[in-house]
Amino acid sequence: MDKSCVLSKELCPKTEEENKCMAKIPYASVVGSLMYAMMCTRLDLCFAVGMMSRYQSNPKHDHWVAVKRILRYMKGTSDLALCYHGGSLTQVGYSDADGSADRDKCKSTSGYAFLLGGTD
């Protein structure tokens, strides 16, 4: 996700015209498809798709623009893959927390990542 892209429920449609415009866009369906891809093969999408799924009930055009950016990222990285070679595999774990990641509900967010095969 682009750090300059700040999304919140403040951006959600407030007028009937905005709601009609967004009703034509398959936001929830596309986010669901991204979730499927994320769970099956694209773990690099976890953070971005998680952020987009927060707005499925009432997305605005800015949310849709962010989803399209994820799709462009997927298209641009479709030829990349993880390759594990023989030898010993080491596991390294990291964790992090953010006390104000959810701007709408002021909830903290935490996460973790484990790397298999080292950090080189």
N, C-alpha and C. Protein backbone atom coordinates (compact mmCIF):
# COMPACT_ATOMS: atom_id res chain seq x y z
N MET A 1 0.84 -1.18 0.00
CA MET A 1 0.00 0.00 0.00
C MET A 1 0.88 1.24 0.00
N ASP A 2 0.45 2.20 -0.73
CA ASP A 2 1.14 3.48 -0.80
C ASP A 2 0.90 4.26 0.50
N LYS A 3 1.97 4.69 1.15
CA LYS A 3 1.84 5.40 2.42
C LYS A 3 1.09 6.72 2.28
N SER A 4 1.10 7.30 1.10
CA SER A 4 0.40 8.57 0.91
C SER A 4 -1.10 8.36 0.74
N CYS A 5 -1.51 7.13 0.56
CA CYS A 5 -2.93 6.81 0.39
C CYS A 5 -3.54 6.56 1.77
N VAL A 6 -4.28 7.53 2.29
CA VAL A 6 -4.91 7.41 3.60
C VAL A 6 -6.39 7.13 3.39
N LEU A 7 -6.84 5.96 3.80
CA LEU A 7 -8.23 5.57 3.63
C LEU A 7 -8.92 5.54 4.98
N SER A 8 -10.17 5.94 5.00
CA SER A 8 -10.96 5.88 6.23
C SER A 8 -12.43 5.87 5.85
N LYS A 9 -13.28 5.66 6.83
CA LYS A 9 -14.72 5.68 6.58
C LYS A 9 -15.21 7.09 6.30
N GLU A 10 -14.38 8.08 6.61
CA GLU A 10 -14.71 9.47 6.28
C GLU A 10 -14.89 9.62 4.77
N LEU A 11 -14.22 8.76 4.01
CA LEU A 11 -14.29 8.83 2.55
C LEU A 11 -15.53 8.15 1.99
N CYS A 12 -16.26 7.40 2.82
CA CYS A 12 -17.41 6.65 2.33
C CYS A 12 -18.46 7.58 1.75
N PRO A 13 -19.23 7.08 0.76
CA PRO A 13 -20.24 7.92 0.11
C PRO A 13 -21.23 8.50 1.12
N LYS A 14 -21.53 9.76 0.95
CA LYS A 14 -22.47 10.42 1.85
C LYS A 14 -23.74 10.87 1.13
N THR A 15 -23.67 11.03 -0.18
CA THR A 15 -24.84 11.47 -0.94
C THR A 15 -25.41 10.30 -1.73
N GLU A 16 -26.64 10.45 -2.12
CA GLU A 16 -27.31 9.41 -2.91
C GLU A 16 -26.63 9.24 -4.26
N GLU A 17 -26.15 10.34 -4.83
CA GLU A 17 -25.46 10.28 -6.12
C GLU A 17 -24.18 9.45 -6.02
N GLU A 18 -23.41 9.66 -4.96
CA GLU A 18 -22.19 8.87 -4.76
C GLU A 18 -22.51 7.39 -4.57
N ASN A 19 -23.59 7.10 -3.83
CA ASN A 19 -24.00 5.71 -3.62
C ASN A 19 -24.39 5.05 -4.94
N LYS A 20 -25.11 5.77 -5.80
CA LYS A 20 -25.51 5.21 -7.09
C LYS A 20 -24.30 4.93 -7.97
N CYS A 21 -23.33 5.83 -7.94
CA CYS A 21 -22.11 5.65 -8.72
C CYS A 21 -21.36 4.40 -8.27
N MET A 22 -21.24 4.21 -6.96
CA MET A 22 -20.50 3.06 -6.43
C MET A 22 -21.29 1.76 -6.56
N ALA A 23 -22.61 1.84 -6.68
CA ALA A 23 -23.42 0.63 -6.81
C ALA A 23 -23.10 -0.13 -8.10
N LYS A 24 -22.60 0.58 -9.11
CA LYS A 24 -22.26 -0.04 -10.39
C LYS A 24 -20.92 -0.76 -10.35
N ILE A 25 -20.13 -0.50 -9.32
CA ILE A 25 -18.77 -1.04 -9.24
C ILE A 25 -18.77 -2.31 -8.39
N PRO A 26 -18.21 -3.42 -8.88
CA PRO A 26 -18.22 -4.70 -8.15
C PRO A 26 -17.14 -4.76 -7.06
N TYR A 27 -17.14 -3.79 -6.17
CA TYR A 27 -16.08 -3.67 -5.16
C TYR A 27 -15.97 -4.92 -4.30
N ALA A 28 -17.07 -5.35 -3.69
CA ALA A 28 -17.02 -6.51 -2.78
C ALA A 28 -16.60 -7.77 -3.51
N SER A 29 -17.06 -7.93 -4.73
CA SER A 29 -16.70 -9.11 -5.52
C SER A 29 -15.21 -9.15 -5.83
N VAL A 30 -14.66 -8.02 -6.21
CA VAL A 30 -13.23 -7.95 -6.54
C VAL A 30 -12.39 -8.15 -5.28
N VAL A 31 -12.80 -7.55 -4.16
CA VAL A 31 -12.06 -7.74 -2.91
C VAL A 31 -12.13 -9.21 -2.50
N GLY A 32 -13.27 -9.85 -2.69
CA GLY A 32 -13.39 -11.29 -2.40
C GLY A 32 -12.45 -12.12 -3.27
N SER A 33 -12.34 -11.76 -4.53
CA SER A 33 -11.42 -12.47 -5.43
C SER A 33 -9.97 -12.25 -5.00
N LEU A 34 -9.66 -11.04 -4.57
CA LEU A 34 -8.31 -10.76 -4.07
C LEU A 34 -8.02 -11.58 -2.81
N MET A 35 -9.02 -11.74 -1.96
CA MET A 35 -8.84 -12.56 -0.75
C MET A 35 -8.55 -14.01 -1.12
N TYR A 36 -9.25 -14.52 -2.12
CA TYR A 36 -9.02 -15.90 -2.57
C TYR A 36 -7.58 -16.04 -3.07
N ALA A 37 -7.15 -15.12 -3.91
CA ALA A 37 -5.78 -15.17 -4.43
C ALA A 37 -4.77 -15.04 -3.29
N MET A 38 -5.07 -14.18 -2.35
CA MET A 38 -4.17 -13.96 -1.21
C MET A 38 -4.03 -15.24 -0.39
N MET A 39 -5.11 -15.91 -0.10
CA MET A 39 -5.07 -17.12 0.73
C MET A 39 -4.40 -18.28 0.01
N CYS A 40 -4.55 -18.35 -1.31
CA CYS A 40 -4.01 -19.50 -2.06
C CYS A 40 -2.55 -19.32 -2.46
N THR A 41 -2.21 -18.16 -2.99
CA THR A 41 -0.86 -18.03 -3.57
C THR A 41 -0.17 -16.71 -3.32
N ARG A 42 -0.89 -15.68 -2.96
CA ARG A 42 -0.30 -14.34 -2.93
C ARG A 42 -0.29 -13.75 -1.52
N LEU A 43 0.55 -14.29 -0.67
CA LEU A 43 0.63 -13.81 0.70
C LEU A 43 1.14 -12.38 0.79
N ASP A 44 1.78 -11.91 -0.26
CA ASP A 44 2.27 -10.53 -0.28
C ASP A 44 1.13 -9.50 -0.30
N LEU A 45 -0.08 -9.96 -0.52
CA LEU A 45 -1.23 -9.07 -0.60
C LEU A 45 -1.97 -8.91 0.73
N CYS A 46 -1.55 -9.64 1.75
CA CYS A 46 -2.32 -9.70 3.01
C CYS A 46 -2.66 -8.33 3.58
N PHE A 47 -1.69 -7.48 3.74
CA PHE A 47 -1.96 -6.18 4.37
C PHE A 47 -2.91 -5.35 3.52
N ALA A 48 -2.61 -5.22 2.25
CA ALA A 48 -3.41 -4.36 1.37
C ALA A 48 -4.85 -4.86 1.25
N VAL A 49 -5.02 -6.16 1.07
CA VAL A 49 -6.37 -6.71 0.93
C VAL A 49 -7.13 -6.59 2.25
N GLY A 50 -6.44 -6.78 3.36
CA GLY A 50 -7.07 -6.60 4.66
C GLY A 50 -7.59 -5.19 4.85
N MET A 51 -6.79 -4.22 4.41
CA MET A 51 -7.23 -2.82 4.50
C MET A 51 -8.46 -2.58 3.62
N MET A 52 -8.47 -3.11 2.42
CA MET A 52 -9.58 -2.88 1.50
C MET A 52 -10.85 -3.58 1.98
N SER A 53 -10.71 -4.71 2.67
CA SER A 53 -11.89 -5.44 3.12
C SER A 53 -12.64 -4.68 4.22
N ARG A 54 -12.01 -3.73 4.86
CA ARG A 54 -12.67 -2.94 5.90
C ARG A 54 -13.79 -2.08 5.34
N TYR A 55 -13.76 -1.81 4.05
CA TYR A 55 -14.70 -0.86 3.46
C TYR A 55 -15.69 -1.52 2.51
N GLN A 56 -15.87 -2.82 2.61
CA GLN A 56 -16.75 -3.52 1.67
C GLN A 56 -18.21 -3.08 1.77
N SER A 57 -18.65 -2.71 2.95
CA SER A 57 -20.06 -2.37 3.10
C SER A 57 -20.42 -1.00 2.54
N ASN A 58 -19.43 -0.10 2.43
CA ASN A 58 -19.74 1.25 1.95
C ASN A 58 -18.49 1.89 1.33
N PRO A 59 -18.01 1.36 0.21
CA PRO A 59 -16.79 1.90 -0.38
C PRO A 59 -17.04 3.20 -1.15
N LYS A 60 -16.00 4.00 -1.26
CA LYS A 60 -16.04 5.21 -2.07
C LYS A 60 -15.08 5.03 -3.24
N HIS A 61 -15.09 5.96 -4.14
CA HIS A 61 -14.24 5.87 -5.33
C HIS A 61 -12.76 5.74 -4.97
N ASP A 62 -12.31 6.42 -3.93
CA ASP A 62 -10.90 6.30 -3.51
C ASP A 62 -10.55 4.88 -3.10
N HIS A 63 -11.49 4.18 -2.48
CA HIS A 63 -11.26 2.78 -2.12
C HIS A 63 -11.13 1.93 -3.38
N TRP A 64 -11.98 2.20 -4.36
CA TRP A 64 -11.93 1.46 -5.63
C TRP A 64 -10.60 1.71 -6.35
N VAL A 65 -10.12 2.94 -6.31
CA VAL A 65 -8.82 3.26 -6.92
C VAL A 65 -7.72 2.44 -6.25
N ALA A 66 -7.78 2.31 -4.94
CA ALA A 66 -6.78 1.52 -4.22
C ALA A 66 -6.85 0.04 -4.59
N VAL A 67 -8.07 -0.48 -4.78
CA VAL A 67 -8.23 -1.89 -5.20
C VAL A 67 -7.64 -2.08 -6.60
N LYS A 68 -7.89 -1.14 -7.50
CA LYS A 68 -7.32 -1.26 -8.85
C LYS A 68 -5.80 -1.20 -8.81
N ARG A 69 -5.25 -0.46 -7.86
CA ARG A 69 -3.79 -0.41 -7.71
C ARG A 69 -3.24 -1.79 -7.31
N ILE A 70 -3.97 -2.49 -6.44
CA ILE A 70 -3.57 -3.85 -6.05
C ILE A 70 -3.60 -4.76 -7.27
N LEU A 71 -4.63 -4.63 -8.09
CA LEU A 71 -4.73 -5.46 -9.30
C LEU A 71 -3.57 -5.18 -10.25
N ARG A 72 -3.19 -3.92 -10.39
CA ARG A 72 -2.04 -3.59 -11.24
C ARG A 72 -0.75 -4.17 -10.66
N TYR A 73 -0.62 -4.12 -9.34
CA TYR A 73 0.55 -4.72 -8.68
C TYR A 73 0.61 -6.22 -8.98
N MET A 74 -0.54 -6.90 -8.89
CA MET A 74 -0.57 -8.34 -9.18
C MET A 74 -0.15 -8.62 -10.61
N LYS A 75 -0.65 -7.82 -11.53
CA LYS A 75 -0.30 -8.01 -12.94
C LYS A 75 1.20 -7.80 -13.16
N GLY A 76 1.76 -6.82 -12.50
CA GLY A 76 3.18 -6.50 -12.67
C GLY A 76 4.12 -7.48 -11.99
N THR A 77 3.61 -8.26 -11.05
CA THR A 77 4.48 -9.20 -10.32
C THR A 77 4.10 -10.65 -10.57
N SER A 78 3.32 -10.91 -11.60
CA SER A 78 2.85 -12.28 -11.84
C SER A 78 3.97 -13.24 -12.24
N ASP A 79 5.09 -12.72 -12.72
CA ASP A 79 6.19 -13.60 -13.13
C ASP A 79 7.20 -13.85 -12.01
N LEU A 80 6.95 -13.33 -10.82
CA LEU A 80 7.85 -13.55 -9.68
C LEU A 80 7.41 -14.79 -8.90
N ALA A 81 8.35 -15.46 -8.27
CA ALA A 81 8.03 -16.67 -7.51
C ALA A 81 9.01 -16.85 -6.37
N LEU A 82 8.61 -17.64 -5.39
CA LEU A 82 9.51 -18.03 -4.31
C LEU A 82 10.20 -19.33 -4.70
N CYS A 83 11.49 -19.38 -4.53
CA CYS A 83 12.26 -20.59 -4.85
C CYS A 83 13.05 -21.01 -3.62
N TYR A 84 12.84 -22.22 -3.18
CA TYR A 84 13.60 -22.77 -2.05
C TYR A 84 14.56 -23.81 -2.58
N HIS A 85 15.81 -23.67 -2.22
CA HIS A 85 16.83 -24.61 -2.66
C HIS A 85 17.19 -25.53 -1.50
N GLY A 86 17.84 -26.64 -1.81
CA GLY A 86 18.23 -27.61 -0.79
C GLY A 86 19.14 -26.99 0.26
N GLY A 87 19.24 -27.66 1.37
CA GLY A 87 20.08 -27.17 2.45
C GLY A 87 19.23 -26.88 3.67
N SER A 88 19.85 -26.35 4.68
CA SER A 88 19.11 -26.07 5.91
C SER A 88 18.28 -24.80 5.76
N LEU A 89 17.10 -24.86 6.29
CA LEU A 89 16.21 -23.70 6.26
C LEU A 89 16.11 -23.14 7.67
N THR A 90 16.42 -21.88 7.81
CA THR A 90 16.28 -21.24 9.11
C THR A 90 14.99 -20.44 9.13
N GLN A 91 14.43 -20.34 10.31
CA GLN A 91 13.18 -19.58 10.47
C GLN A 91 13.46 -18.35 11.32
N VAL A 92 13.00 -17.21 10.85
CA VAL A 92 13.16 -15.95 11.57
C VAL A 92 11.78 -15.33 11.73
N GLY A 93 11.47 -14.82 12.92
CA GLY A 93 10.17 -14.22 13.16
C GLY A 93 10.28 -12.76 13.55
N TYR A 94 9.30 -11.98 13.12
CA TYR A 94 9.22 -10.56 13.44
C TYR A 94 7.79 -10.23 13.87
N SER A 95 7.65 -9.24 14.71
CA SER A 95 6.31 -8.77 15.07
C SER A 95 6.34 -7.24 15.17
N ASP A 96 5.16 -6.65 15.04
CA ASP A 96 5.05 -5.20 15.10
C ASP A 96 3.64 -4.85 15.55
N ALA A 97 3.47 -3.65 16.04
CA ALA A 97 2.16 -3.18 16.47
C ALA A 97 2.04 -1.69 16.15
N ASP A 98 0.81 -1.27 15.91
CA ASP A 98 0.52 0.13 15.63
C ASP A 98 -0.65 0.53 16.52
N GLY A 99 -0.45 1.51 17.35
CA GLY A 99 -1.48 1.91 18.30
C GLY A 99 -2.63 2.70 17.72
N SER A 100 -2.52 3.14 16.47
CA SER A 100 -3.61 3.93 15.89
C SER A 100 -3.78 3.66 14.40
N ALA A 101 -3.67 2.41 14.01
CA ALA A 101 -3.76 2.07 12.59
C ALA A 101 -5.17 2.25 12.04
N ASP A 102 -6.18 1.92 12.83
CA ASP A 102 -7.56 2.05 12.41
C ASP A 102 -8.05 3.44 12.79
N ARG A 103 -8.05 4.35 11.83
CA ARG A 103 -8.43 5.75 12.10
C ARG A 103 -9.90 5.89 12.47
N ASP A 104 -10.73 4.93 12.05
CA ASP A 104 -12.16 5.05 12.28
C ASP A 104 -12.57 4.63 13.69
N LYS A 105 -11.99 3.57 14.20
CA LYS A 105 -12.39 3.04 15.50
C LYS A 105 -11.31 3.20 16.57
N CYS A 106 -10.18 3.80 16.20
CA CYS A 106 -9.06 4.02 17.12
C CYS A 106 -8.62 2.72 17.80
N LYS A 107 -8.57 1.66 17.03
CA LYS A 107 -8.12 0.37 17.54
C LYS A 107 -6.68 0.13 17.11
N SER A 108 -5.97 -0.58 17.94
CA SER A 108 -4.59 -0.90 17.59
C SER A 108 -4.56 -2.14 16.71
N THR A 109 -3.49 -2.27 15.95
CA THR A 109 -3.31 -3.40 15.05
C THR A 109 -1.94 -4.00 15.33
N SER A 110 -1.89 -5.31 15.32
CA SER A 110 -0.59 -5.97 15.47
C SER A 110 -0.46 -7.03 14.40
N GLY A 111 0.74 -7.42 14.15
CA GLY A 111 0.98 -8.44 13.13
C GLY A 111 2.31 -9.11 13.33
N TYR A 112 2.49 -10.17 12.60
CA TYR A 112 3.75 -10.90 12.69
C TYR A 112 4.08 -11.50 11.33
N ALA A 113 5.33 -11.80 11.15
CA ALA A 113 5.79 -12.43 9.91
C ALA A 113 6.90 -13.40 10.26
N PHE A 114 6.87 -14.55 9.62
CA PHE A 114 7.92 -15.54 9.79
C PHE A 114 8.55 -15.79 8.43
N LEU A 115 9.84 -15.76 8.38
CA LEU A 115 10.58 -16.00 7.14
C LEU A 115 11.22 -17.38 7.22
N LEU A 116 11.02 -18.16 6.20
CA LEU A 116 11.62 -19.49 6.13
C LEU A 116 12.71 -19.44 5.08
N GLY A 117 13.90 -19.76 5.46
CA GLY A 117 15.00 -19.75 4.52
C GLY A 117 15.94 -18.58 4.71
N GLY A 118 15.76 -17.83 5.77
CA GLY A 118 16.69 -16.75 6.06
C GLY A 118 16.24 -15.41 5.52
N THR A 119 17.13 -14.45 5.68
CA THR A 119 16.80 -13.08 5.28
C THR A 119 17.72 -12.55 4.19
N ASP A 120 18.55 -13.40 3.57
CA ASP A 120 19.49 -12.90 2.56
C ASP A 120 18.85 -12.69 1.25
